[in-house]
Amino acid sequence: MDRQIVNEDEYIAICNQELKKHPYYEEGMEVTGVPKGSSGSDLSGYTFQGPEKTRGIVAQVVSSVDKKYELRVT
């Protein structure tokens, strides 16, 4: 199955949309770009915000997004 190609900003937005659908989502959980406030080709990566105990949930969601979308760095 071909994955849909998305850019950096789309990828982070999709991760956050899917994260909010997770049954164990907690307020404040979020995937953000690094460095903070950057977007597009200015991003060097992404990280998560939220309680440390939710790191596994975020990893699960990102893994699921990776199966459906291909991040194409611009």
PDB file of N, CA and C in Angstrom:
ATOM      1  N   MET A   1       0.841  -1.183   0.000  1.00  0.00           N
ATOM      2  CA  MET A   1       0.000   0.000   0.000  1.00  0.00           C
ATOM      3  C   MET A   1       0.886   1.246   0.000  1.00  0.00           C
ATOM      4  N   ASP A   2       0.626   2.150  -0.914  1.00  0.00           N
ATOM      5  CA  ASP A   2       1.382   3.392  -0.975  1.00  0.00           C
ATOM      6  C   ASP A   2       0.945   4.326   0.151  1.00  0.00           C
ATOM      7  N   ARG A   3       1.934   4.956   0.739  1.00  0.00           N
ATOM      8  CA  ARG A   3       1.636   5.924   1.787  1.00  0.00           C
ATOM      9  C   ARG A   3       1.513   7.308   1.163  1.00  0.00           C
ATOM     10  N   GLN A   4       0.626   8.110   1.729  1.00  0.00           N
ATOM     11  CA  GLN A   4       0.455   9.486   1.268  1.00  0.00           C
ATOM     12  C   GLN A   4       1.677  10.292   1.695  1.00  0.00           C
ATOM     13  N   ILE A   5       2.213  11.105   0.787  1.00  0.00           N
ATOM     14  CA  ILE A   5       3.371  11.943   1.084  1.00  0.00           C
ATOM     15  C   ILE A   5       2.904  13.255   1.705  1.00  0.00           C
ATOM     16  N   VAL A   6       3.536  13.619   2.828  1.00  0.00           N
ATOM     17  CA  VAL A   6       3.202  14.865   3.517  1.00  0.00           C
ATOM     18  C   VAL A   6       4.492  15.602   3.864  1.00  0.00           C
ATOM     19  N   ASN A   7       4.382  16.913   4.039  1.00  0.00           N
ATOM     20  CA  ASN A   7       5.547  17.688   4.457  1.00  0.00           C
ATOM     21  C   ASN A   7       5.619  17.723   5.990  1.00  0.00           C
ATOM     22  N   GLU A   8       6.611  18.398   6.512  1.00  0.00           N
ATOM     23  CA  GLU A   8       6.858  18.415   7.948  1.00  0.00           C
ATOM     24  C   GLU A   8       5.671  18.951   8.751  1.00  0.00           C
ATOM     25  N   ASP A   9       5.109  20.067   8.314  1.00  0.00           N
ATOM     26  CA  ASP A   9       3.997  20.678   9.044  1.00  0.00           C
ATOM     27  C   ASP A   9       2.749  19.785   9.007  1.00  0.00           C
ATOM     28  N   GLU A  10       2.490  19.184   7.858  1.00  0.00           N
ATOM     29  CA  GLU A  10       1.345  18.279   7.736  1.00  0.00           C
ATOM     30  C   GLU A  10       1.526  17.058   8.639  1.00  0.00           C
ATOM     31  N   TYR A  11       2.742  16.542   8.678  1.00  0.00           N
ATOM     32  CA  TYR A  11       3.034  15.367   9.494  1.00  0.00           C
ATOM     33  C   TYR A  11       2.746  15.637  10.970  1.00  0.00           C
ATOM     34  N   ILE A  12       3.235  16.747  11.475  1.00  0.00           N
ATOM     35  CA  ILE A  12       3.016  17.089  12.879  1.00  0.00           C
ATOM     36  C   ILE A  12       1.521  17.302  13.143  1.00  0.00           C
ATOM     37  N   ALA A  13       0.828  17.966  12.232  1.00  0.00           N
ATOM     38  CA  ALA A  13      -0.617  18.188  12.400  1.00  0.00           C
ATOM     39  C   ALA A  13      -1.374  16.862  12.431  1.00  0.00           C
ATOM     40  N   ILE A  14      -1.012  15.936  11.549  1.00  0.00           N
ATOM     41  CA  ILE A  14      -1.669  14.628  11.519  1.00  0.00           C
ATOM     42  C   ILE A  14      -1.385  13.865  12.813  1.00  0.00           C
ATOM     43  N   CYS A  15      -0.152  13.892  13.276  1.00  0.00           N
ATOM     44  CA  CYS A  15       0.181  13.228  14.541  1.00  0.00           C
ATOM     45  C   CYS A  15      -0.684  13.770  15.678  1.00  0.00           C
ATOM     46  N   ASN A  16      -0.852  15.075  15.735  1.00  0.00           N
ATOM     47  CA  ASN A  16      -1.649  15.675  16.806  1.00  0.00           C
ATOM     48  C   ASN A  16      -3.131  15.353  16.663  1.00  0.00           C
ATOM     49  N   GLN A  17      -3.644  15.305  15.443  1.00  0.00           N
ATOM     50  CA  GLN A  17      -5.041  14.918  15.233  1.00  0.00           C
ATOM     51  C   GLN A  17      -5.271  13.490  15.716  1.00  0.00           C
ATOM     52  N   GLU A  18      -4.374  12.596  15.334  1.00  0.00           N
ATOM     53  CA  GLU A  18      -4.506  11.187  15.731  1.00  0.00           C
ATOM     54  C   GLU A  18      -4.304  11.024  17.234  1.00  0.00           C
ATOM     55  N   LEU A  19      -3.408  11.792  17.803  1.00  0.00           N
ATOM     56  CA  LEU A  19      -3.156  11.730  19.240  1.00  0.00           C
ATOM     57  C   LEU A  19      -4.421  12.066  20.032  1.00  0.00           C
ATOM     58  N   LYS A  20      -5.146  13.071  19.588  1.00  0.00           N
ATOM     59  CA  LYS A  20      -6.371  13.482  20.290  1.00  0.00           C
ATOM     60  C   LYS A  20      -7.473  12.434  20.204  1.00  0.00           C
ATOM     61  N   LYS A  21      -7.379  11.524  19.242  1.00  0.00           N
ATOM     62  CA  LYS A  21      -8.360  10.446  19.103  1.00  0.00           C
ATOM     63  C   LYS A  21      -8.038   9.248  19.999  1.00  0.00           C
ATOM     64  N   HIS A  22      -6.817   9.191  20.522  1.00  0.00           N
ATOM     65  CA  HIS A  22      -6.391   8.050  21.327  1.00  0.00           C
ATOM     66  C   HIS A  22      -7.201   8.018  22.629  1.00  0.00           C
ATOM     67  N   PRO A  23      -7.643   6.832  23.052  1.00  0.00           N
ATOM     68  CA  PRO A  23      -8.474   6.748  24.258  1.00  0.00           C
ATOM     69  C   PRO A  23      -7.776   7.215  25.535  1.00  0.00           C
ATOM     70  N   TYR A  24      -6.443   7.212  25.568  1.00  0.00           N
ATOM     71  CA  TYR A  24      -5.721   7.655  26.756  1.00  0.00           C
ATOM     72  C   TYR A  24      -5.106   9.041  26.595  1.00  0.00           C
ATOM     73  N   TYR A  25      -5.605   9.777  25.618  1.00  0.00           N
ATOM     74  CA  TYR A  25      -5.130  11.146  25.412  1.00  0.00           C
ATOM     75  C   TYR A  25      -5.394  11.968  26.672  1.00  0.00           C
ATOM     76  N   GLU A  26      -4.414  12.770  27.044  1.00  0.00           N
ATOM     77  CA  GLU A  26      -4.551  13.707  28.158  1.00  0.00           C
ATOM     78  C   GLU A  26      -4.286  15.113  27.641  1.00  0.00           C
ATOM     79  N   GLU A  27      -4.983  16.066  28.205  1.00  0.00           N
ATOM     80  CA  GLU A  27      -4.777  17.469  27.840  1.00  0.00           C
ATOM     81  C   GLU A  27      -3.299  17.816  27.994  1.00  0.00           C
ATOM     82  N   GLY A  28      -2.750  18.486  27.009  1.00  0.00           N
ATOM     83  CA  GLY A  28      -1.352  18.897  27.050  1.00  0.00           C
ATOM     84  C   GLY A  28      -0.429  18.003  26.250  1.00  0.00           C
ATOM     85  N   MET A  29      -0.918  16.818  25.841  1.00  0.00           N
ATOM     86  CA  MET A  29      -0.100  15.937  25.004  1.00  0.00           C
ATOM     87  C   MET A  29      -0.066  16.527  23.599  1.00  0.00           C
ATOM     88  N   GLU A  30       1.140  16.625  23.038  1.00  0.00           N
ATOM     89  CA  GLU A  30       1.265  17.256  21.732  1.00  0.00           C
ATOM     90  C   GLU A  30       2.614  16.901  21.105  1.00  0.00           C
ATOM     91  N   VAL A  31       2.617  16.711  19.797  1.00  0.00           N
ATOM     92  CA  VAL A  31       3.853  16.567  19.036  1.00  0.00           C
ATOM     93  C   VAL A  31       4.209  17.961  18.544  1.00  0.00           C
ATOM     94  N   THR A  32       5.451  18.370  18.752  1.00  0.00           N
ATOM     95  CA  THR A  32       5.883  19.699  18.338  1.00  0.00           C
ATOM     96  C   THR A  32       7.183  19.615  17.547  1.00  0.00           C
ATOM     97  N   GLY A  33       7.408  20.621  16.743  1.00  0.00           N
ATOM     98  CA  GLY A  33       8.631  20.699  15.967  1.00  0.00           C
ATOM     99  C   GLY A  33       9.799  21.170  16.801  1.00  0.00           C
ATOM    100  N   VAL A  34      10.992  20.810  16.359  1.00  0.00           N
ATOM    101  CA  VAL A  34      12.236  21.238  17.004  1.00  0.00           C
ATOM    102  C   VAL A  34      13.053  21.983  15.965  1.00  0.00           C
ATOM    103  N   PRO A  35      13.563  23.148  16.241  1.00  0.00           N
ATOM    104  CA  PRO A  35      13.376  23.917  17.462  1.00  0.00           C
ATOM    105  C   PRO A  35      11.959  24.479  17.560  1.00  0.00           C
ATOM    106  N   LYS A  36      11.548  24.720  18.780  1.00  0.00           N
ATOM    107  CA  LYS A  36      10.196  25.193  19.051  1.00  0.00           C
ATOM    108  C   LYS A  36       9.892  26.448  18.236  1.00  0.00           C
ATOM    109  N   GLY A  37       8.709  26.458  17.645  1.00  0.00           N
ATOM    110  CA  GLY A  37       8.269  27.611  16.868  1.00  0.00           C
ATOM    111  C   GLY A  37       8.670  27.563  15.410  1.00  0.00           C
ATOM    112  N   SER A  38       9.480  26.589  15.027  1.00  0.00           N
ATOM    113  CA  SER A  38       9.898  26.498  13.626  1.00  0.00           C
ATOM    114  C   SER A  38       8.898  25.665  12.836  1.00  0.00           C
ATOM    115  N   SER A  39       9.001  25.750  11.519  1.00  0.00           N
ATOM    116  CA  SER A  39       8.116  24.966  10.662  1.00  0.00           C
ATOM    117  C   SER A  39       8.820  24.688   9.341  1.00  0.00           C
ATOM    118  N   GLY A  40       8.232  23.763   8.581  1.00  0.00           N
ATOM    119  CA  GLY A  40       8.763  23.447   7.264  1.00  0.00           C
ATOM    120  C   GLY A  40      10.212  23.027   7.303  1.00  0.00           C
ATOM    121  N   SER A  41      10.984  23.537   6.378  1.00  0.00           N
ATOM    122  CA  SER A  41      12.387  23.127   6.255  1.00  0.00           C
ATOM    123  C   SER A  41      13.255  23.635   7.414  1.00  0.00           C
ATOM    124  N   ASP A  42      12.708  24.516   8.258  1.00  0.00           N
ATOM    125  CA  ASP A  42      13.456  24.989   9.424  1.00  0.00           C
ATOM    126  C   ASP A  42      13.468  23.972  10.562  1.00  0.00           C
ATOM    127  N   LEU A  43      12.620  22.944  10.469  1.00  0.00           N
ATOM    128  CA  LEU A  43      12.565  21.926  11.508  1.00  0.00           C
ATOM    129  C   LEU A  43      13.778  21.011  11.430  1.00  0.00           C
ATOM    130  N   SER A  44      14.282  20.639  12.581  1.00  0.00           N
ATOM    131  CA  SER A  44      15.355  19.641  12.612  1.00  0.00           C
ATOM    132  C   SER A  44      14.822  18.308  13.133  1.00  0.00           C
ATOM    133  N   GLY A  45      13.574  18.297  13.563  1.00  0.00           N
ATOM    134  CA  GLY A  45      12.957  17.084  14.083  1.00  0.00           C
ATOM    135  C   GLY A  45      11.673  17.416  14.806  1.00  0.00           C
ATOM    136  N   TYR A  46      11.219  16.465  15.598  1.00  0.00           N
ATOM    137  CA  TYR A  46      10.024  16.698  16.396  1.00  0.00           C
ATOM    138  C   TYR A  46      10.174  16.013  17.739  1.00  0.00           C
ATOM    139  N   THR A  47       9.389  16.441  18.697  1.00  0.00           N
ATOM    140  CA  THR A  47       9.402  15.895  20.045  1.00  0.00           C
ATOM    141  C   THR A  47       7.984  15.907  20.573  1.00  0.00           C
ATOM    142  N   PHE A  48       7.798  15.478  21.799  1.00  0.00           N
ATOM    143  CA  PHE A  48       6.457  15.519  22.367  1.00  0.00           C
ATOM    144  C   PHE A  48       6.435  16.375  23.614  1.00  0.00           C
ATOM    145  N   GLN A  49       5.273  16.904  23.889  1.00  0.00           N
ATOM    146  CA  GLN A  49       5.015  17.663  25.105  1.00  0.00           C
ATOM    147  C   GLN A  49       3.955  16.896  25.889  1.00  0.00           C
ATOM    148  N   GLY A  50       4.036  16.935  27.181  1.00  0.00           N
ATOM    149  CA  GLY A  50       3.040  16.277  28.011  1.00  0.00           C
ATOM    150  C   GLY A  50       3.700  15.479  29.116  1.00  0.00           C
ATOM    151  N   PRO A  51       2.875  14.848  29.938  1.00  0.00           N
ATOM    152  CA  PRO A  51       3.410  14.054  31.045  1.00  0.00           C
ATOM    153  C   PRO A  51       4.320  12.933  30.543  1.00  0.00           C
ATOM    154  N   GLU A  52       5.411  12.707  31.246  1.00  0.00           N
ATOM    155  CA  GLU A  52       6.375  11.669  30.857  1.00  0.00           C
ATOM    156  C   GLU A  52       5.705  10.307  30.724  1.00  0.00           C
ATOM    157  N   LYS A  53       4.710  10.040  31.553  1.00  0.00           N
ATOM    158  CA  LYS A  53       4.043   8.727  31.521  1.00  0.00           C
ATOM    159  C   LYS A  53       3.297   8.488  30.204  1.00  0.00           C
ATOM    160  N   THR A  54       3.097   9.526  29.395  1.00  0.00           N
ATOM    161  CA  THR A  54       2.357   9.386  28.136  1.00  0.00           C
ATOM    162  C   THR A  54       3.277   9.210  26.926  1.00  0.00           C
ATOM    163  N   ARG A  55       4.566   9.136  27.152  1.00  0.00           N
ATOM    164  CA  ARG A  55       5.532   9.001  26.051  1.00  0.00           C
ATOM    165  C   ARG A  55       5.222   7.778  25.180  1.00  0.00           C
ATOM    166  N   GLY A  56       4.853   6.674  25.785  1.00  0.00           N
ATOM    167  CA  GLY A  56       4.530   5.457  25.040  1.00  0.00           C
ATOM    168  C   GLY A  56       3.314   5.624  24.149  1.00  0.00           C
ATOM    169  N   ILE A  57       2.339   6.378  24.613  1.00  0.00           N
ATOM    170  CA  ILE A  57       1.134   6.642  23.821  1.00  0.00           C
ATOM    171  C   ILE A  57       1.501   7.450  22.586  1.00  0.00           C
ATOM    172  N   VAL A  58       2.314   8.458  22.771  1.00  0.00           N
ATOM    173  CA  VAL A  58       2.748   9.290  21.652  1.00  0.00           C
ATOM    174  C   VAL A  58       3.529   8.446  20.650  1.00  0.00           C
ATOM    175  N   ALA A  59       4.420   7.588  21.140  1.00  0.00           N
ATOM    176  CA  ALA A  59       5.210   6.729  20.258  1.00  0.00           C
ATOM    177  C   ALA A  59       4.296   5.797  19.459  1.00  0.00           C
ATOM    178  N   GLN A  60       3.270   5.286  20.096  1.00  0.00           N
ATOM    179  CA  GLN A  60       2.323   4.402  19.417  1.00  0.00           C
ATOM    180  C   GLN A  60       1.587   5.148  18.306  1.00  0.00           C
ATOM    181  N   VAL A  61       1.156   6.355  18.584  1.00  0.00           N
ATOM    182  CA  VAL A  61       0.433   7.155  17.595  1.00  0.00           C
ATOM    183  C   VAL A  61       1.363   7.511  16.427  1.00  0.00           C
ATOM    184  N   VAL A  62       2.573   7.947  16.708  1.00  0.00           N
ATOM    185  CA  VAL A  62       3.526   8.305  15.650  1.00  0.00           C
ATOM    186  C   VAL A  62       3.819   7.083  14.774  1.00  0.00           C
ATOM    187  N   SER A  63       3.963   5.924  15.383  1.00  0.00           N
ATOM    188  CA  SER A  63       4.195   4.699  14.627  1.00  0.00           C
ATOM    189  C   SER A  63       3.029   4.404  13.692  1.00  0.00           C
ATOM    190  N   SER A  64       1.824   4.605  14.178  1.00  0.00           N
ATOM    191  CA  SER A  64       0.624   4.395  13.362  1.00  0.00           C
ATOM    192  C   SER A  64       0.576   5.384  12.195  1.00  0.00           C
ATOM    193  N   VAL A  65       0.931   6.631  12.450  1.00  0.00           N
ATOM    194  CA  VAL A  65       0.958   7.652  11.399  1.00  0.00           C
ATOM    195  C   VAL A  65       2.010   7.285  10.352  1.00  0.00           C
ATOM    196  N   ASP A  66       3.150   6.775  10.805  1.00  0.00           N
ATOM    197  CA  ASP A  66       4.223   6.389   9.874  1.00  0.00           C
ATOM    198  C   ASP A  66       3.787   5.287   8.909  1.00  0.00           C
ATOM    199  N   LYS A  67       2.844   4.471   9.308  1.00  0.00           N
ATOM    200  CA  LYS A  67       2.356   3.397   8.432  1.00  0.00           C
ATOM    201  C   LYS A  67       1.456   3.928   7.321  1.00  0.00           C
ATOM    202  N   LYS A  68       0.860   5.109   7.532  1.00  0.00           N
ATOM    203  CA  LYS A  68      -0.077   5.680   6.563  1.00  0.00           C
ATOM    204  C   LYS A  68       0.508   6.814   5.742  1.00  0.00           C
ATOM    205  N   TYR A  69       1.530   7.481   6.293  1.00  0.00           N
ATOM    206  CA  TYR A  69       2.076   8.684   5.656  1.00  0.00           C
ATOM    207  C   TYR A  69       3.587   8.604   5.542  1.00  0.00           C
ATOM    208  N   GLU A  70       4.093   9.171   4.479  1.00  0.00           N
ATOM    209  CA  GLU A  70       5.539   9.265   4.288  1.00  0.00           C
ATOM    210  C   GLU A  70       5.942  10.729   4.421  1.00  0.00           C
ATOM    211  N   LEU A  71       6.831  10.984   5.360  1.00  0.00           N
ATOM    212  CA  LEU A  71       7.314  12.343   5.582  1.00  0.00           C
ATOM    213  C   LEU A  71       8.342  12.678   4.514  1.00  0.00           C
ATOM    214  N   ARG A  72       8.052  13.684   3.744  1.00  0.00           N
ATOM    215  CA  ARG A  72       8.969  14.151   2.694  1.00  0.00           C
ATOM    216  C   ARG A  72       9.516  15.491   3.162  1.00  0.00           C
ATOM    217  N   VAL A  73      10.791  15.523   3.492  1.00  0.00           N
ATOM    218  CA  VAL A  73      11.435  16.735   3.995  1.00  0.00           C
ATOM    219  C   VAL A  73      11.553  17.736   2.862  1.00  0.00           C
ATOM    220  N   THR A  74      11.112  18.968   3.138  1.00  0.00           N
ATOM    221  CA  THR A  74      11.166  20.024   2.114  1.00  0.00           C
ATOM    222  C   THR A  74      12.380  20.892   2.282  1.00  0.00           C
TER     223      THR A  74
END
